[in-house]
N, C-alpha and C. Protein backbone atom coordinates (compact mmCIF):
# COMPACT_ATOMS: atom_id res chain seq x y z
N MET A 1 34.31 74.98 -16.94
CA MET A 1 35.14 75.39 -15.82
C MET A 1 34.37 76.47 -15.02
N LEU A 2 34.36 76.34 -13.72
CA LEU A 2 33.67 77.29 -12.85
C LEU A 2 34.60 78.46 -12.51
N ALA A 3 34.06 79.65 -12.55
CA ALA A 3 34.83 80.84 -12.18
C ALA A 3 34.81 81.01 -10.67
N VAL A 4 35.92 81.39 -10.11
CA VAL A 4 36.03 81.64 -8.67
C VAL A 4 35.46 83.03 -8.39
N PRO A 5 34.47 83.14 -7.48
CA PRO A 5 33.89 84.47 -7.20
C PRO A 5 34.89 85.36 -6.46
N GLY A 6 34.76 86.63 -6.67
CA GLY A 6 35.62 87.59 -6.01
C GLY A 6 35.25 87.75 -4.54
N LEU A 7 36.12 88.37 -3.79
CA LEU A 7 35.91 88.56 -2.35
C LEU A 7 34.66 89.40 -2.10
N ARG A 8 34.42 90.42 -2.90
CA ARG A 8 33.24 91.26 -2.74
C ARG A 8 31.96 90.45 -2.93
N ALA A 9 31.93 89.57 -3.92
CA ALA A 9 30.74 88.74 -4.18
C ALA A 9 30.52 87.75 -3.05
N VAL A 10 31.59 87.18 -2.54
CA VAL A 10 31.46 86.23 -1.43
C VAL A 10 30.93 86.95 -0.19
N TRP A 11 31.46 88.12 0.10
CA TRP A 11 31.02 88.91 1.28
C TRP A 11 29.54 89.29 1.15
N ARG A 12 29.13 89.73 -0.03
CA ARG A 12 27.74 90.11 -0.26
C ARG A 12 26.81 88.89 -0.10
N ASN A 13 27.20 87.76 -0.65
CA ASN A 13 26.39 86.55 -0.53
C ASN A 13 26.33 86.03 0.90
N LEU A 14 27.38 86.29 1.66
CA LEU A 14 27.39 85.86 3.05
C LEU A 14 26.29 86.54 3.85
N TRP A 15 26.04 87.83 3.58
CA TRP A 15 25.08 88.60 4.36
C TRP A 15 23.72 88.77 3.69
N THR A 16 23.65 88.67 2.38
CA THR A 16 22.36 88.90 1.72
C THR A 16 21.79 87.65 1.06
N GLY A 17 22.61 86.71 0.72
CA GLY A 17 22.13 85.51 0.04
C GLY A 17 21.60 84.47 1.01
N ARG A 18 20.93 83.48 0.46
CA ARG A 18 20.45 82.37 1.29
C ARG A 18 21.57 81.36 1.50
N TRP A 19 21.65 80.85 2.69
CA TRP A 19 22.63 79.81 3.00
C TRP A 19 22.00 78.46 2.74
N ARG A 20 22.79 77.49 2.44
CA ARG A 20 22.30 76.13 2.36
C ARG A 20 21.96 75.66 3.78
N TYR A 21 20.94 74.82 3.89
CA TYR A 21 20.50 74.37 5.21
C TYR A 21 21.60 73.66 5.98
N TRP A 22 22.34 72.81 5.31
CA TRP A 22 23.39 72.05 6.00
C TRP A 22 24.50 72.97 6.48
N LEU A 23 24.77 74.04 5.76
CA LEU A 23 25.83 74.96 6.18
C LEU A 23 25.40 75.74 7.42
N GLY A 24 24.14 76.18 7.46
CA GLY A 24 23.64 76.87 8.65
C GLY A 24 23.62 75.94 9.85
N GLY A 25 23.19 74.69 9.63
CA GLY A 25 23.18 73.70 10.72
C GLY A 25 24.58 73.40 11.23
N LEU A 26 25.52 73.32 10.31
CA LEU A 26 26.91 73.08 10.70
C LEU A 26 27.45 74.24 11.54
N ALA A 27 27.14 75.48 11.13
CA ALA A 27 27.60 76.65 11.87
C ALA A 27 27.02 76.67 13.29
N VAL A 28 25.72 76.40 13.40
CA VAL A 28 25.08 76.39 14.73
C VAL A 28 25.66 75.26 15.58
N GLY A 29 25.88 74.11 14.98
CA GLY A 29 26.47 72.98 15.71
C GLY A 29 27.88 73.27 16.21
N LEU A 30 28.68 73.91 15.37
CA LEU A 30 30.04 74.24 15.79
C LEU A 30 30.06 75.28 16.91
N ILE A 31 29.18 76.27 16.82
CA ILE A 31 29.09 77.26 17.89
C ILE A 31 28.66 76.60 19.19
N GLY A 32 27.65 75.73 19.13
CA GLY A 32 27.19 75.01 20.33
C GLY A 32 28.27 74.13 20.92
N THR A 33 29.00 73.42 20.06
CA THR A 33 30.09 72.55 20.52
C THR A 33 31.18 73.38 21.19
N PHE A 34 31.54 74.48 20.57
CA PHE A 34 32.56 75.36 21.13
C PHE A 34 32.13 75.88 22.51
N ASP A 35 30.86 76.22 22.63
CA ASP A 35 30.34 76.71 23.91
C ASP A 35 30.39 75.64 24.98
N ILE A 36 30.03 74.42 24.63
CA ILE A 36 30.04 73.32 25.60
C ILE A 36 31.47 73.00 26.02
N VAL A 37 32.39 73.00 25.06
CA VAL A 37 33.79 72.70 25.37
C VAL A 37 34.37 73.77 26.30
N ARG A 38 34.01 75.01 26.06
CA ARG A 38 34.49 76.10 26.92
C ARG A 38 33.87 76.03 28.31
N MET A 39 32.63 75.52 28.38
CA MET A 39 31.88 75.41 29.64
C MET A 39 31.69 76.78 30.31
N ARG A 40 31.56 77.80 29.49
CA ARG A 40 31.26 79.13 30.00
C ARG A 40 30.18 79.73 29.11
N PRO A 41 29.31 80.55 29.65
CA PRO A 41 28.29 81.17 28.82
C PRO A 41 28.89 82.21 27.87
N LEU A 42 28.22 82.38 26.74
CA LEU A 42 28.64 83.39 25.78
C LEU A 42 27.98 84.72 26.11
N GLY A 43 28.60 85.80 25.78
CA GLY A 43 27.94 87.08 25.89
C GLY A 43 28.64 88.08 26.77
N VAL A 44 28.32 89.33 26.51
CA VAL A 44 28.90 90.44 27.25
C VAL A 44 28.39 90.46 28.69
N THR A 45 27.09 90.18 28.88
CA THR A 45 26.51 90.21 30.22
C THR A 45 27.19 89.21 31.13
N ALA A 46 27.44 88.00 30.63
CA ALA A 46 28.10 86.98 31.44
C ALA A 46 29.53 87.39 31.79
N THR A 47 30.21 88.00 30.85
CA THR A 47 31.59 88.44 31.09
C THR A 47 31.63 89.54 32.13
N LEU A 48 30.72 90.52 32.01
CA LEU A 48 30.67 91.60 33.01
C LEU A 48 30.30 91.05 34.39
N GLY A 49 29.33 90.14 34.43
CA GLY A 49 28.93 89.55 35.70
C GLY A 49 30.06 88.77 36.36
N SER A 50 30.80 88.02 35.55
CA SER A 50 31.93 87.25 36.07
C SER A 50 33.03 88.18 36.60
N ALA A 51 33.32 89.23 35.86
CA ALA A 51 34.35 90.18 36.31
C ALA A 51 33.93 90.88 37.60
N ALA A 52 32.66 91.29 37.69
CA ALA A 52 32.17 91.96 38.90
C ALA A 52 32.20 91.01 40.10
N ARG A 53 31.85 89.76 39.86
CA ARG A 53 31.85 88.80 40.96
C ARG A 53 33.27 88.53 41.45
N GLN A 54 34.21 88.37 40.52
CA GLN A 54 35.60 88.15 40.93
C GLN A 54 36.14 89.34 41.72
N TRP A 55 35.81 90.53 41.28
CA TRP A 55 36.27 91.73 41.98
C TRP A 55 35.65 91.80 43.38
N ALA A 56 34.35 91.53 43.49
CA ALA A 56 33.68 91.58 44.80
C ALA A 56 34.21 90.50 45.73
N GLN A 57 34.51 89.32 45.18
CA GLN A 57 35.09 88.27 46.02
C GLN A 57 36.48 88.67 46.50
N GLY A 58 37.24 89.33 45.64
CA GLY A 58 38.57 89.80 46.02
C GLY A 58 38.50 90.83 47.14
N GLN A 59 37.44 91.62 47.18
CA GLN A 59 37.23 92.61 48.22
C GLN A 59 36.67 91.99 49.50
N GLY A 60 36.22 90.73 49.40
CA GLY A 60 35.63 90.07 50.57
C GLY A 60 34.18 90.44 50.80
N TRP A 61 33.50 90.97 49.79
CA TRP A 61 32.13 91.42 49.95
C TRP A 61 31.12 90.29 49.79
N ILE A 62 31.46 89.25 49.06
CA ILE A 62 30.55 88.11 48.88
C ILE A 62 31.31 86.82 49.15
N PRO A 63 30.62 85.76 49.56
CA PRO A 63 31.30 84.50 49.82
C PRO A 63 31.77 83.84 48.52
N ASP A 64 32.63 82.83 48.67
CA ASP A 64 33.14 82.12 47.50
C ASP A 64 32.04 81.37 46.77
N ARG A 65 31.02 80.93 47.48
CA ARG A 65 29.93 80.18 46.85
C ARG A 65 28.60 80.76 47.29
N LEU A 66 27.74 81.00 46.32
CA LEU A 66 26.39 81.47 46.60
C LEU A 66 25.43 80.29 46.45
N ASP A 67 24.99 79.73 47.55
CA ASP A 67 24.14 78.55 47.52
C ASP A 67 22.90 78.78 46.67
N LEU A 68 22.54 77.78 45.88
CA LEU A 68 21.40 77.74 44.97
C LEU A 68 21.58 78.61 43.73
N LEU A 69 22.42 79.62 43.77
CA LEU A 69 22.63 80.47 42.60
C LEU A 69 23.77 79.98 41.73
N ASP A 70 24.75 79.28 42.30
CA ASP A 70 25.90 78.83 41.52
C ASP A 70 25.56 77.70 40.57
N GLY A 71 24.38 77.13 40.66
CA GLY A 71 23.99 76.07 39.75
C GLY A 71 23.46 76.56 38.43
N PHE A 72 23.12 77.84 38.34
CA PHE A 72 22.56 78.39 37.11
C PHE A 72 23.69 78.75 36.14
N ALA A 73 23.46 78.46 34.87
CA ALA A 73 24.42 78.86 33.83
C ALA A 73 24.02 80.24 33.33
N GLY A 74 25.01 81.05 33.04
CA GLY A 74 24.72 82.38 32.48
C GLY A 74 24.54 83.34 33.56
């Protein structure tokens, strides 16, 4: 019979132990899928840029569409 590891052991192995290759691949795949489904870039910089752009558009300082720049992700 296998013993169930404690929460402390699981937490330590999560950050210090080696992961199985398939588990790491699955995690990266799920993150990528989630990002594609959201259709928005991840990260603090993108969030700050989006908030600043919305605020500036609300003030009327920039147009609704920036030609050639709106095609870039992130």
